[in-house]
Protein backbone atom coordinates (compact mmCIF):
# COMPACT_ATOMS: atom_id res chain seq x y z
CA MET A 1 0.05 0.01 0.06
CA LEU A 2 1.68 3.30 -1.30
CA ILE A 3 1.67 5.57 1.81
CA MET A 4 2.40 9.19 0.99
CA ARG A 5 3.54 12.28 3.19
CA ARG A 6 0.47 14.30 4.89
CA ASN A 7 1.99 17.32 3.00
CA SER A 8 1.65 15.69 -0.71
CA ILE A 9 -1.75 14.82 0.18
CA ILE A 10 -2.83 18.23 1.48
CA TYR A 11 -1.39 19.42 -2.10
CA ILE A 12 -3.63 16.91 -3.63
CA LEU A 13 -6.46 17.88 -2.39
CA PHE A 14 -5.80 22.01 -2.59
CA ASP A 15 -4.99 21.03 -6.63
CA ILE A 16 -8.17 18.57 -7.04
CA ILE A 17 -10.35 22.03 -5.82
CA PHE A 18 -8.18 24.64 -7.80
CA ILE A 19 -8.12 22.36 -11.15
CA ASN A 20 -11.93 22.35 -10.75
CA ILE A 21 -12.12 26.05 -9.97
CA SER A 22 -10.06 26.89 -13.11
CA LEU A 23 -12.31 25.07 -15.28
CA LEU A 24 -15.36 26.75 -14.08
CA LEU A 25 -13.73 30.49 -14.09
CA ALA A 26 -12.81 29.46 -17.73
CA PHE A 27 -16.29 28.64 -18.63
CA ILE A 28 -17.82 31.76 -16.95
CA ILE A 29 -15.37 34.27 -18.12
CA ARG A 30 -15.88 32.62 -22.10
CA PHE A 31 -19.40 32.26 -21.53
CA GLU A 32 -20.84 34.37 -18.64
CA GLY A 33 -22.18 31.16 -17.31
CA ILE A 34 -22.27 27.18 -17.74
CA ARG A 35 -26.17 26.51 -18.57
CA GLU A 36 -25.11 25.31 -22.11
CA TYR A 37 -22.80 22.46 -20.68
CA THR A 38 -24.72 21.36 -17.36
CA GLU A 39 -25.62 18.11 -19.37
CA HIS A 40 -21.72 16.59 -19.73
CA LEU A 41 -20.34 19.19 -16.73
CA GLY A 42 -19.87 16.05 -14.57
CA GLN A 43 -17.84 14.19 -17.09
CA ILE A 44 -15.74 17.62 -18.07
CA PHE A 45 -14.59 17.98 -14.46
CA ILE A 46 -13.71 14.48 -13.90
CA PHE A 47 -11.73 14.20 -16.83
CA ALA A 48 -9.85 17.70 -16.29
CA THR A 49 -9.41 16.58 -12.94
CA LEU A 50 -7.71 12.74 -13.69
CA ALA A 51 -5.86 13.68 -16.71
CA ARG A 52 -3.71 16.64 -14.75
CA LEU A 53 -3.69 14.21 -11.35
CA ILE A 54 -2.16 11.47 -13.23
CA ILE A 55 0.46 13.79 -15.02
CA LEU A 56 1.67 15.68 -11.53
CA LEU A 57 2.23 12.18 -9.85
CA THR A 58 3.90 11.04 -12.89
CA PHE A 59 6.33 14.11 -13.16
CA LYS A 60 6.54 13.84 -9.43
CA ILE A 61 5.69 17.50 -8.44
CA TYR A 62 4.49 16.27 -4.99
CA ASN A 63 8.30 15.15 -4.34
CA ILE A 64 9.00 18.97 -4.40
CA ILE A 65 9.59 20.99 -1.20
CA TRP A 66 8.32 24.11 -2.16
CA LYS A 67 10.11 25.97 0.37
CA TYR A 68 13.37 25.40 -0.99
CA SER A 69 11.90 25.27 -4.79
CA GLY A 70 13.48 27.49 -7.65
CA ILE A 71 12.93 27.84 -11.64
CA LYS A 72 13.48 24.54 -12.46
CA ASP A 73 10.66 22.89 -10.10
CA MET A 74 8.31 25.84 -11.47
CA LEU A 75 9.03 24.88 -14.98
CA SER A 76 8.44 21.11 -14.33
CA LEU A 77 5.02 22.14 -12.58
CA THR A 78 4.16 24.45 -15.41
CA GLY A 79 4.98 21.32 -18.00
CA ALA A 80 3.07 18.89 -15.94
CA ILE A 81 0.01 21.03 -16.12
CA THR A 82 0.48 21.65 -20.01
CA VAL A 83 0.81 17.98 -20.57
CA GLY A 84 -2.12 17.16 -18.37
CA SER A 85 -3.83 19.59 -20.69
CA ALA A 86 -3.03 18.36 -23.84
CA ILE A 87 -4.25 14.86 -22.85
CA PHE A 88 -7.66 16.61 -21.88
CA VAL A 89 -8.11 18.43 -24.80
CA THR A 90 -7.32 14.89 -26.77
CA ALA A 91 -10.11 14.01 -24.78
CA VAL A 92 -12.36 16.51 -25.83
CA PHE A 93 -11.29 16.31 -29.25
CA PHE A 94 -12.52 12.65 -30.12
CA ASN A 95 -15.65 12.97 -27.97
CA ARG A 96 -18.10 14.89 -29.68
CA ASN A 97 -20.23 15.00 -26.25
CA LEU A 98 -18.09 16.80 -24.61
CA SER A 99 -17.18 19.47 -27.30
CA PHE A 100 -17.26 23.26 -26.55
CA PRO A 101 -15.04 26.04 -27.67
CA ARG A 102 -11.27 25.42 -27.62
CA ALA A 103 -11.13 29.30 -26.09
CA VAL A 104 -12.16 27.65 -22.73
CA LEU A 105 -9.59 25.31 -22.45
CA LEU A 106 -6.36 27.87 -23.22
CA ILE A 107 -8.43 30.07 -20.08
CA ASP A 108 -8.16 27.26 -18.58
CA TRP A 109 -4.64 26.21 -18.75
CA PHE A 110 -3.50 29.92 -18.01
CA LEU A 111 -5.86 29.66 -14.81
CA CYS A 112 -4.56 25.94 -13.85
CA ILE A 113 -1.24 27.30 -14.18
CA SER A 114 -1.63 30.39 -12.18
CA PHE A 115 -3.48 28.75 -9.22
CA LEU A 116 -1.47 25.38 -9.05
CA LEU A 117 1.72 27.55 -8.92
CA GLY A 118 0.92 30.44 -7.48
CA TYR A 119 -0.53 29.00 -3.71
CA ARG A 120 2.73 26.92 -4.07
CA ILE A 121 5.52 29.95 -4.15
CA PHE A 122 2.73 32.14 -2.24
CA PRO A 123 5.47 31.47 1.20
CA ALA A 124 8.27 32.51 -0.49
CA ILE A 125 6.99 35.72 -1.73
CA LYS A 126 5.07 36.74 1.26
CA PRO A 127 7.95 38.50 2.65
CA HIS A 128 8.43 40.65 -0.48
CA LEU A 129 4.56 41.19 -0.16
CA PHE A 130 4.39 42.35 3.43
CA PHE A 131 7.92 44.09 3.13
CA LEU A 132 6.47 47.44 4.29
CA ARG A 133 4.94 45.61 7.40
CA GLN A 134 8.22 44.08 7.86
CA ILE A 135 10.25 47.20 8.30
CA LYS A 136 7.97 48.59 11.39
CA LYS A 137 8.95 45.41 13.18
CA GLY A 138 13.03 44.61 12.91
CA LYS A 139 16.37 47.37 12.93
CA ARG A 140 16.38 48.86 9.84
CA THR A 141 19.26 47.45 8.02
CA LEU A 142 21.68 47.67 5.06
CA ILE A 143 23.87 44.76 3.79
CA ILE A 144 27.28 45.57 2.51
CA GLY A 145 27.55 43.43 -0.80
CA ALA A 146 25.36 42.50 -2.95
CA GLY A 147 27.24 39.61 -4.22
CA GLU A 148 26.47 35.73 -3.50
CA ALA A 149 27.13 36.29 0.24
CA GLY A 150 24.76 39.19 0.67
CA THR A 151 21.68 37.82 -1.45
CA LEU A 152 21.76 34.77 0.61
CA LEU A 153 21.81 36.56 3.60
CA ALA A 154 18.83 38.72 2.34
CA ARG A 155 16.78 35.68 1.25
CA ASP A 156 16.96 34.26 4.73
CA ILE A 157 16.24 37.39 6.34
CA LEU A 158 13.30 37.68 4.05
CA ASN A 159 12.38 34.47 4.81
CA ASN A 160 12.47 34.98 8.75
CA PRO A 161 10.24 38.12 9.54
CA LYS A 162 11.03 37.31 12.93
CA SER A 163 14.89 37.80 12.48
CA GLY A 164 14.85 41.23 14.06
CA TYR A 165 16.35 42.97 10.89
CA ALA A 166 14.37 45.37 8.39
CA LEU A 167 16.37 45.12 5.14
CA ILE A 168 16.37 48.76 3.66
CA GLY A 169 18.95 48.16 0.82
CA PHE A 170 21.81 47.22 -0.32
CA ILE A 171 25.43 48.84 -0.81
CA ASP A 172 27.53 47.79 -3.40
CA ASP A 173 30.90 49.56 -5.43
CA ASP A 174 29.61 47.26 -8.39
CA LYS A 175 28.09 50.64 -10.57
CA HIS A 176 26.02 48.06 -12.85
CA LYS A 177 24.25 46.74 -10.12
CA LYS A 178 22.96 50.34 -8.63
CA ARG A 179 19.43 50.55 -8.72
CA SER A 180 18.91 47.13 -9.47
CA THR A 181 16.96 44.71 -7.23
CA ILE A 182 17.94 41.59 -5.66
CA ASN A 183 15.11 39.46 -3.55
CA GLY A 184 12.83 42.89 -3.81
CA ILE A 185 15.44 44.89 -1.85
CA GLU A 186 17.49 47.81 -4.23
CA VAL A 187 21.39 48.54 -4.62
CA ILE A 188 20.46 52.32 -3.19
CA GLY A 189 24.55 53.62 -3.45
CA ASN A 190 28.52 52.60 -3.20
CA SER A 191 30.41 52.03 -0.08
CA ASP A 192 31.49 56.48 -0.44
CA GLU A 193 27.89 56.95 0.31
CA LEU A 194 27.73 54.39 3.19
CA GLU A 195 28.05 57.44 5.98
CA GLN A 196 25.62 59.42 4.22
CA LEU A 197 22.80 56.88 3.09
CA ALA A 198 23.08 55.38 6.74
CA LYS A 199 22.29 58.96 8.33
CA GLU A 200 19.59 60.02 6.07
CA LEU A 201 17.69 56.43 6.18
CA LYS A 202 18.16 56.26 9.91
CA ILE A 203 20.06 52.90 9.43
CA GLU A 204 20.37 50.70 12.71
CA GLN A 205 22.04 47.99 11.47
CA ILE A 206 24.90 47.31 9.24
CA ILE A 207 26.14 43.83 8.03
CA ILE A 208 29.31 43.31 6.11
CA THR A 209 28.95 40.40 3.67
CA ILE A 210 31.90 40.43 1.56
CA PRO A 211 34.14 37.53 1.96
CA SER A 212 36.77 38.36 -1.47
CA ALA A 213 37.53 41.86 0.29
CA SER A 214 40.85 42.55 0.88
CA PRO A 215 41.38 43.53 4.58
CA SER A 216 42.12 46.98 3.94
CA HIS A 217 38.86 47.66 2.46
CA ILE A 218 37.02 45.52 5.67
CA LYS A 219 39.38 48.14 7.55
CA ILE A 220 37.38 51.14 5.46
CA LEU A 221 34.36 50.07 5.91
CA VAL A 222 34.84 49.14 9.46
CA GLU A 223 36.09 53.03 10.33
CA ILE A 224 33.17 54.01 8.57
CA CYS A 225 30.82 51.64 10.45
CA ALA A 226 32.79 52.94 13.47
CA ARG A 227 32.25 56.76 12.90
CA LEU A 228 28.38 55.78 12.54
CA SER A 229 28.18 54.23 15.89
CA GLY A 230 27.99 57.32 17.39
CA PHE A 231 24.58 57.87 15.55
CA GLY A 232 23.53 54.32 17.27
CA VAL A 233 24.46 51.99 14.02
CA HIS A 234 25.84 48.98 14.88
CA TYR A 235 27.87 46.56 12.46
CA LYS A 236 28.42 43.03 11.96
CA ILE A 237 30.16 40.45 9.38
CA ILE A 238 29.19 37.21 8.09
CA PRO A 239 31.93 34.50 7.73
CA GLY A 240 33.86 33.37 4.88
CA PHE A 241 34.36 31.42 1.68
CA LYS A 242 33.47 28.00 3.33
CA GLU A 243 29.95 29.18 4.22
CA ILE A 244 29.48 30.38 0.95
CA ILE A 245 30.27 27.34 -1.12
CA ASP A 246 28.67 25.41 1.60
CA GLY A 247 25.42 27.66 0.84
CA ASP A 248 25.44 27.84 4.33
CA VAL A 249 25.00 31.79 4.97
CA SER A 250 21.89 32.59 7.03
CA ILE A 251 21.23 35.02 10.18
CA SER A 252 22.69 32.70 12.68
CA HIS A 253 26.48 33.33 11.24
CA ILE A 254 26.22 37.14 11.78
CA ARG A 255 28.82 37.63 14.02
CA GLU A 256 30.44 40.87 15.40
CA VAL A 257 34.10 42.21 13.43
CA GLU A 258 36.80 40.58 14.76
CA LEU A 259 40.46 41.73 14.58
CA GLU A 260 40.96 38.43 12.18
CA ASP A 261 38.96 39.84 9.85
CA LEU A 262 41.21 43.08 9.24
CA LEU A 263 44.14 40.53 9.12
CA GLY A 264 42.61 38.82 6.22
CA ARG A 265 44.28 35.46 6.79
CA ASP A 266 43.36 33.30 4.06
CA THR A 267 41.64 29.86 4.39
CA ILE A 268 43.74 26.86 5.01
CA THR A 269 43.37 23.66 2.77
CA LEU A 270 44.42 20.59 4.51
CA ASP A 271 45.84 17.64 2.84
CA THR A 272 43.30 15.57 5.19
CA LYS A 273 44.17 12.12 3.41
CA GLU A 274 47.89 12.39 4.36
CA ILE A 275 47.14 13.61 7.83
CA SER A 276 44.78 10.71 8.57
CA HIS A 277 47.41 8.43 7.58
CA TYR A 278 49.40 9.27 10.53
CA ILE A 279 46.76 10.31 13.26
CA LYS A 280 43.79 7.90 12.25
CA GLY A 281 43.26 4.82 14.73
CA ASN A 282 46.51 6.28 16.46
CA VAL A 283 47.43 7.18 19.84
CA VAL A 284 48.28 11.02 19.85
CA LEU A 285 50.08 12.65 23.28
CA ILE A 286 49.83 16.34 23.12
CA THR A 287 51.87 18.09 25.83
CA GLY A 288 50.80 21.63 26.83
CA ALA A 289 47.53 20.43 25.97
CA GLY A 290 45.86 23.17 28.48
CA GLY A 291 47.52 26.10 26.75
CA SER A 292 46.44 28.10 23.88
CA ILE A 293 48.26 26.21 21.02
CA GLY A 294 47.71 23.00 22.93
CA SER A 295 44.65 23.20 23.02
CA GLU A 296 43.33 24.11 19.27
CA LEU A 297 45.62 20.97 18.70
CA THR A 298 43.40 18.78 20.56
CA ARG A 299 40.42 20.30 18.84
CA GLN A 300 42.14 19.87 15.40
CA THR A 301 43.46 16.27 16.28
CA LEU A 302 40.22 15.29 17.50
CA ARG A 303 38.83 16.10 13.98
CA PHE A 304 40.99 12.76 12.38
CA ASN A 305 39.52 9.85 14.79
CA PRO A 306 42.62 9.27 17.03
CA LYS A 307 42.17 5.90 18.56
CA THR A 308 43.57 7.83 22.16
CA LEU A 309 43.90 11.09 22.59
CA ILE A 310 46.22 12.38 25.81
CA LEU A 311 46.00 15.52 27.24
CA VAL A 312 49.05 16.34 29.34
CA GLY A 313 49.52 19.45 31.17
CA GLN A 314 50.54 21.16 34.68
CA GLY A 315 47.22 22.96 35.25
CA GLU A 316 44.47 20.77 36.41
CA ASN A 317 42.02 23.57 35.50
CA SER A 318 42.68 23.99 32.01
CA ILE A 319 42.96 20.27 31.61
CA TYR A 320 39.91 19.50 32.99
CA SER A 321 38.29 22.16 30.85
CA MET A 322 39.68 20.31 28.21
CA GLU A 323 38.57 17.14 28.83
CA MET A 324 34.92 18.09 29.32
CA GLU A 325 35.17 20.07 25.89
CA LEU A 326 36.49 17.09 24.08
CA ASN A 327 33.99 14.48 25.74
CA ASN A 328 30.68 16.20 23.92
CA PHE A 329 32.53 15.93 20.41
CA HIS A 330 32.54 12.91 18.60
CA PRO A 331 33.41 13.02 15.09
CA ASN A 332 31.48 10.82 12.49
CA ASN A 333 29.64 9.22 15.78
CA ASN A 334 33.17 7.46 16.46
CA PRO A 335 34.05 8.26 20.17
CA VAL A 336 37.66 8.93 20.95
CA LYS A 337 39.28 7.88 24.17
CA ILE A 338 40.37 10.94 25.98
CA ILE A 339 43.16 10.64 28.91
CA PRO A 340 43.82 13.80 31.21
CA VAL A 341 46.88 13.80 32.59
CA ILE A 342 48.64 16.36 35.15
CA ALA A 343 52.19 16.05 34.68
CA ASP A 344 55.32 18.21 34.15
CA VAL A 345 57.39 17.75 30.97
CA LYS A 346 60.65 18.47 33.24
CA GLU A 347 59.97 15.17 35.59
CA PRO A 348 61.56 12.54 33.55
CA ASN A 349 60.35 9.58 35.59
CA LYS A 350 56.06 10.83 35.19
CA MET A 351 56.64 11.09 31.68
CA GLU A 352 58.61 7.72 31.25
CA TYR A 353 55.69 6.49 33.04
CA ILE A 354 52.86 7.98 30.57
CA PHE A 355 55.26 6.74 27.62
CA LYS A 356 55.10 3.12 29.18
CA LYS A 357 51.88 2.99 30.18
CA TYR A 358 50.04 4.17 26.99
CA SER A 359 52.56 3.75 24.09
CA PRO A 360 52.09 6.88 22.00
CA ASP A 361 52.27 7.14 18.28
CA VAL A 362 52.09 10.28 17.61
CA VAL A 363 53.55 13.35 19.73
CA PHE A 364 52.75 17.36 19.53
CA HIS A 365 54.80 19.20 21.98
CA ALA A 366 53.42 22.15 22.49
CA ALA A 367 54.35 22.68 26.19
CA ALA A 368 56.84 25.60 26.70
CA TYR A 369 57.38 28.78 28.23
CA LYS A 370 56.81 31.55 25.97
CA HIS A 371 56.72 34.74 28.03
CA VAL A 372 59.68 37.03 27.03
CA PRO A 373 59.76 39.42 29.77
CA LEU A 374 58.84 37.07 32.57
CA MET A 375 61.59 34.42 31.26
CA GLU A 376 64.29 37.29 31.97
CA HIS A 377 63.62 37.07 35.35
CA ASN A 378 63.31 33.78 35.44
CA PRO A 379 65.94 32.41 32.96
CA GLU A 380 66.96 28.64 35.12
CA GLU A 381 62.72 27.62 34.41
CA ALA A 382 63.21 28.98 30.63
CA ILE A 383 66.41 26.54 30.61
CA LYS A 384 64.73 23.08 32.67
CA ASN A 385 61.18 23.75 31.02
CA ASN A 386 62.27 24.54 27.20
CA ILE A 387 65.21 22.60 26.59
CA SER A 388 65.22 19.70 29.31
CA GLY A 389 61.74 19.43 29.11
CA THR A 390 61.78 18.73 25.12
CA LYS A 391 64.99 16.79 25.61
CA ASN A 392 63.02 14.79 27.92
CA MET A 393 60.18 14.09 25.60
CA ALA A 394 61.96 13.56 22.08
CA GLU A 395 64.62 10.93 24.17
CA LEU A 396 61.38 9.03 25.18
CA SER A 397 59.82 9.32 21.97
CA VAL A 398 62.87 7.21 20.44
CA LYS A 399 62.68 4.88 23.95
CA TYR A 400 59.37 3.95 23.12
CA GLY A 401 59.18 3.65 19.30
CA VAL A 402 56.95 6.93 18.77
CA ASP A 403 56.81 7.27 15.32
CA ARG A 404 56.52 11.28 15.02
CA PHE A 405 57.36 13.97 17.13
CA VAL A 406 56.54 17.65 16.43
CA MET A 407 57.91 20.06 18.49
CA ILE A 408 56.26 23.61 18.41
CA SER A 409 58.83 26.34 18.12
CA THR A 410 58.67 30.12 17.55
CA ASP A 411 59.82 32.96 15.40
CA LYS A 412 61.56 34.53 18.43
CA ALA A 413 64.04 31.17 18.11
CA VAL A 414 65.97 33.30 15.47
CA ASN A 415 69.04 35.29 15.88
CA PRO A 416 67.58 35.31 19.82
CA THR A 417 67.96 38.36 21.94
CA SER A 418 66.14 36.79 25.11
CA ILE A 419 66.32 34.01 27.09
CA MET A 420 63.06 32.32 25.83
CA GLY A 421 64.03 32.54 22.25
CA ALA A 422 67.56 31.18 23.09
CA THR A 423 66.15 28.06 24.98
CA LYS A 424 63.83 27.53 22.10
CA LYS A 425 66.62 27.87 19.36
CA ILE A 426 68.75 25.08 21.46
CA ALA A 427 65.12 22.90 21.94
CA GLU A 428 65.20 22.80 18.23
CA LEU A 429 68.90 21.88 17.90
CA VAL A 430 68.22 18.86 20.31
CA VAL A 431 65.16 17.57 18.50
CA GLN A 432 67.55 17.98 15.09
CA ALA A 433 70.71 16.28 16.81
CA LEU A 434 68.50 13.37 17.83
CA SER A 435 66.93 12.78 14.54
CA LYS A 436 70.28 12.20 12.95
CA LYS A 437 71.34 9.69 15.95
CA GLN A 438 68.26 7.18 14.99
CA LYS A 439 65.76 6.70 11.94
CA LYS A 440 62.77 5.04 13.55
CA THR A 441 61.25 8.32 15.00
CA LYS A 442 60.52 11.02 12.77
CA PHE A 443 61.44 14.47 14.23
CA MET A 444 60.43 17.79 13.15
CA THR A 445 59.87 20.98 14.11
CA VAL A 446 57.35 24.02 13.14
CA ARG A 447 58.25 27.32 13.39
CA PHE A 448 55.78 30.10 13.30
CA GLY A 449 55.21 33.83 15.49
CA ASN A 450 52.39 35.23 17.61
CA VAL A 451 49.02 33.99 17.77
CA LEU A 452 46.02 36.44 17.85
CA GLY A 453 43.87 35.82 21.52
CA SER A 454 46.47 33.75 22.62
CA ARG A 455 47.58 33.93 26.56
CA GLY A 456 50.07 36.33 27.31
CA SER A 457 49.72 37.66 23.57
CA VAL A 458 48.92 41.64 23.18
CA VAL A 459 45.61 41.07 22.20
CA PRO A 460 43.57 40.20 25.52
CA LEU A 461 45.86 42.86 27.01
CA PHE A 462 44.52 45.43 24.97
CA LYS A 463 41.24 44.51 25.24
CA LYS A 464 41.37 44.27 28.93
CA GLN A 465 42.88 47.98 28.56
CA ILE A 466 40.12 49.30 26.09
CA ALA A 467 37.48 48.22 28.98
CA ALA A 468 38.91 49.54 31.58
CA GLY A 469 39.30 53.15 29.41
CA GLY A 470 42.91 52.66 28.73
CA PRO A 471 45.31 53.85 28.51
CA VAL A 472 46.34 51.24 25.87
CA THR A 473 50.29 50.31 26.28
CA VAL A 474 52.59 49.81 23.23
CA THR A 475 56.09 49.32 23.80
CA HIS A 476 56.93 50.93 20.78
CA PRO A 477 55.67 53.14 17.52
CA GLU A 478 57.36 50.60 15.22
CA VAL A 479 57.54 47.68 16.83
CA VAL A 480 56.18 44.89 14.34
CA ARG A 481 55.12 41.26 14.79
CA PHE A 482 54.00 38.55 12.99
CA PHE A 483 50.39 37.40 13.52
CA MET A 484 48.33 34.22 12.35
CA THR A 485 44.85 32.88 14.01
CA ILE A 486 45.17 29.96 16.46
CA GLU A 487 43.30 27.40 14.19
CA GLU A 488 45.59 28.37 11.34
CA ALA A 489 48.92 27.87 13.41
CA ALA A 490 47.25 24.18 14.78
CA GLN A 491 46.36 23.19 11.30
CA LEU A 492 49.73 23.67 9.80
CA VAL A 493 51.38 22.04 12.70
CA ILE A 494 49.23 19.15 12.14
CA GLN A 495 49.86 19.26 7.99
CA ALA A 496 53.26 19.57 8.57
CA GLY A 497 53.50 16.54 10.92
CA SER A 498 52.35 14.47 7.90
CA MET A 499 55.41 15.56 5.77
CA GLY A 500 58.54 15.84 7.68
CA GLY A 501 60.86 13.14 9.25
CA ASN A 502 64.97 14.36 9.68
CA GLY A 503 64.71 16.85 11.82
CA ASP A 504 63.06 19.31 9.60
CA VAL A 505 62.26 22.50 10.66
CA PHE A 506 59.15 24.27 9.01
CA VAL A 507 58.66 27.90 8.94
CA LEU A 508 54.61 28.52 8.59
CA ASP A 509 54.00 31.51 5.90
CA MET A 510 52.95 34.74 8.66
CA GLY A 511 52.18 36.89 5.83
CA LYS A 512 53.19 40.36 6.25
CA PRO A 513 54.27 41.43 9.90
CA VAL A 514 51.73 43.63 11.49
CA LYS A 515 52.61 47.19 13.38
CA ILE A 516 51.39 46.77 17.01
CA ASP A 517 50.18 50.37 17.31
CA ASP A 518 48.25 49.83 14.09
CA LEU A 519 46.61 46.55 15.89
CA ALA A 520 45.93 48.46 19.15
CA ARG A 521 44.18 51.34 16.86
CA ASP A 522 42.22 48.79 14.83
CA LEU A 523 40.89 47.27 18.30
CA ILE A 524 39.81 50.54 19.52
CA LYS A 525 37.75 51.35 16.77
CA LEU A 526 36.56 47.97 16.65
CA SER A 527 35.45 48.71 20.30
CA GLY A 528 33.55 52.14 19.02
CA TYR A 529 35.96 54.11 20.59
CA THR A 530 38.30 56.88 18.79
CA PRO A 531 41.97 56.43 19.18
CA ASP A 532 43.60 59.39 20.84
CA VAL A 533 40.18 60.74 22.14
CA ASP A 534 38.39 58.33 23.57
CA ILE A 535 41.04 55.81 24.11
CA LYS A 536 44.65 57.10 24.90
CA ILE A 537 48.05 55.10 23.34
CA GLU A 538 50.87 55.28 25.73
CA TYR A 539 54.73 54.11 24.30
CA VAL A 540 56.27 52.58 27.13
CA GLY A 541 59.29 51.15 25.55
CA LEU A 542 60.64 47.74 24.86
CA ARG A 543 60.59 45.39 27.70
CA PRO A 544 63.78 43.01 28.64
CA GLY A 545 64.65 40.69 25.96
CA GLU A 546 62.45 42.03 23.17
CA LYS A 547 63.17 43.10 19.46
CA LEU A 548 61.59 45.77 17.49
CA TYR A 549 61.30 43.04 14.85
CA GLU A 550 60.77 39.24 14.70
CA GLU A 551 62.66 37.02 12.15
CA THR A 552 61.71 33.52 10.78
CA LEU A 553 64.60 32.53 9.35
CA THR A 554 68.77 33.00 10.13
CA LYS A 555 70.77 34.05 7.19
CA GLU A 556 72.50 30.30 7.75
CA GLU A 557 69.31 28.28 7.04
CA GLY A 558 67.88 29.57 4.04
CA ILE A 559 64.73 28.06 2.97
CA SER A 560 63.16 25.91 0.45
CA SER A 561 59.44 25.27 -0.60
CA SER A 562 57.29 22.11 0.68
CA SER A 563 54.08 20.28 -0.77
CA HIS A 564 52.61 22.79 1.24
CA LYS A 565 52.36 26.72 0.10
CA LYS A 566 51.99 27.75 3.57
CA ILE A 567 54.69 25.31 4.83
CA PHE A 568 58.51 26.41 4.10
CA ILE A 569 61.27 24.16 4.95
CA ALA A 570 64.64 25.56 6.61
CA ARG A 571 67.79 24.34 5.50
CA PRO A 572 69.14 22.80 9.03
CA GLU A 573 72.13 24.30 10.43
CA VAL A 574 75.35 22.11 10.93
CA ILE A 575 76.79 21.72 14.37
CA ASN A 576 79.30 20.41 16.37
CA GLU A 577 76.94 17.22 18.09
CA LYS A 578 79.93 16.60 20.60
CA LYS A 579 80.47 20.29 21.72
CA PHE A 580 76.29 21.11 21.36
CA TYR A 581 75.60 17.82 23.90
CA ASN A 582 78.53 18.90 26.43
CA ALA A 583 77.42 22.51 26.66
CA THR A 584 73.61 21.88 26.68
CA GLU A 585 73.82 19.21 29.66
CA LYS A 586 76.33 21.88 31.49
CA LEU A 587 73.18 24.62 30.94
CA ILE A 588 70.78 22.03 32.24
CA LEU A 589 72.85 21.25 35.28
CA LEU A 590 73.34 24.59 35.85
CA ALA A 591 69.68 25.21 35.46
CA GLU A 592 68.83 22.68 38.30
CA SER A 593 71.62 23.73 40.65
CA LYS A 594 70.75 25.64 43.58
CA ASP A 595 73.69 28.06 43.27
CA PHE A 596 72.01 28.97 39.39
CA SER A 597 73.80 32.13 38.12
CA ARG A 598 72.60 34.17 34.88
CA LYS A 599 75.86 35.36 33.72
CA PRO A 600 77.49 31.70 33.39
CA ALA A 601 74.40 30.42 31.91
CA GLU A 602 74.26 33.33 29.04
CA LYS A 603 78.12 32.32 28.79
CA LEU A 604 76.91 28.69 27.87
CA ILE A 605 74.11 29.71 25.80
CA LYS A 606 76.19 32.13 23.42
CA SER A 607 78.85 29.19 23.22
CA ILE A 608 75.75 27.32 21.72
CA LEU A 609 74.59 29.96 20.02
CA PRO A 610 76.89 32.40 18.61
CA SER A 611 74.25 34.24 17.52
CA PHE A 612 72.50 34.97 20.94
CA LYS A 613 72.54 39.26 22.05
CA PRO A 614 71.06 39.49 25.21
CA LYS A 615 69.12 42.53 25.52
CA GLY A 616 67.34 41.17 29.34
CA ASN A 617 70.19 43.47 31.01
CA LEU A 618 68.74 41.45 34.40
CA LYS A 619 71.52 40.16 36.83
């Protein structure tokens, strides 16, 4: 027995009603009545109804979801009605008892299409018909960008009268679009006219929908919107190309403009097959799993279905939070075993216990002390954690047959002027040297710059200072840094893990360096204030160990391309391994002794790294 959906039955009932109404009206329009044909009226209506219903069923018209219909579906319905009408005409032609003027059939065909199509698409065009009523219900809104993203968003808003947005118009710089209408909404001007139009039309909300726009263009639009915020105008943005490709631009994706939007980092494309090859079904251990990079690495790694994910960290709260978060996420309904471990990479016995118990296949070593000025005051801790901790993890990886070991490094390791940078550079050399001594474990290092929003970075600090009313403190008006998002960094680290294996040092493409002064000013504007007017900026001078600019390579290293356009390979430096090991052991022993002194430590570091030029000026 054929079981039909409830909606299909409703459509069939309505179709029967409208098929008969259209035929009745056709007689009335043509003859001003139907008295002349009352004798055969029943036969006529039955023929017309059956012919059309059979064809509508044959054309699978009742399978169409009209809420999401398009031109193709409308043409299918029109074609089905036309074929049904042709069958009806044929029946009339061969049956003399049903003979009547052919004009009735033509009128009936037109009315039938109008009725059957009309009531189906009415819900979709209803928002346009009641546009003026909708304006009174929501915030008066302009959409910047009349392209695909803006069109998709406008359609979603119009289909949701309770969205809280009342569309007044589009803003677009394409002169050919001006005064044209999209979804019934007019393109009323370009970005040069935005400020004036927003004031004249009493706009309350502006939504930027230009994923292809350059960061400089977005910045200009944000500056205009920021000026308008003094007139009660709020501004937001929609996401990038991925959502457009997926056709997934909707009201739920509207969000506040973030600093990342102004930096314009490209979307990362990953070779998921290569990544899955070394992660899927394996035991993955991540140190520093509660930190900014470590926590994002755990999230990204989970996407590739490891068998077990071991979260190693010192902070109980951060590790607990990550465990709770990850336990609620099961990729492809495939639960991953999450093991939280409170441990310190400086403790070789505890770390060996973990390796022996869980036998990890892959290790991401993200645990490190990264705060430059703080490590200038605590150099022995930087040595113990960054050098000794890395040495422990790397040696245990060899001993327990780990397949891949990926260490996270920093651009501050290049020509270091700080203790933190120097210890990370020595950690890189530890990994490189150990890689040469054996072939089973594939060792690699991934080096990149500052990460937006990470703990200890300038962005959270600036946000706190802005929230407190200022001032925002910048070390120097000309200081520049490389930036990338946490998600981007973690994705590229995981990608690099699929590529190396001989002590390679991978350098991530950080794009162009950003002036910290510009960063501070952009954040102030995004917060709705004017720099130097509402929020002051103070220049406090470079802190111990800091440089005006960072580098990603030394002169000796050089660079070559890899299979991924965002990842480069640094040429390994030649070192005297015997001298390196001896000096490194002495440095670690000095850091662990109760008689630690900074000067001897710096001397040992310089013997390992001739490029080290300390700027800490601390004793």
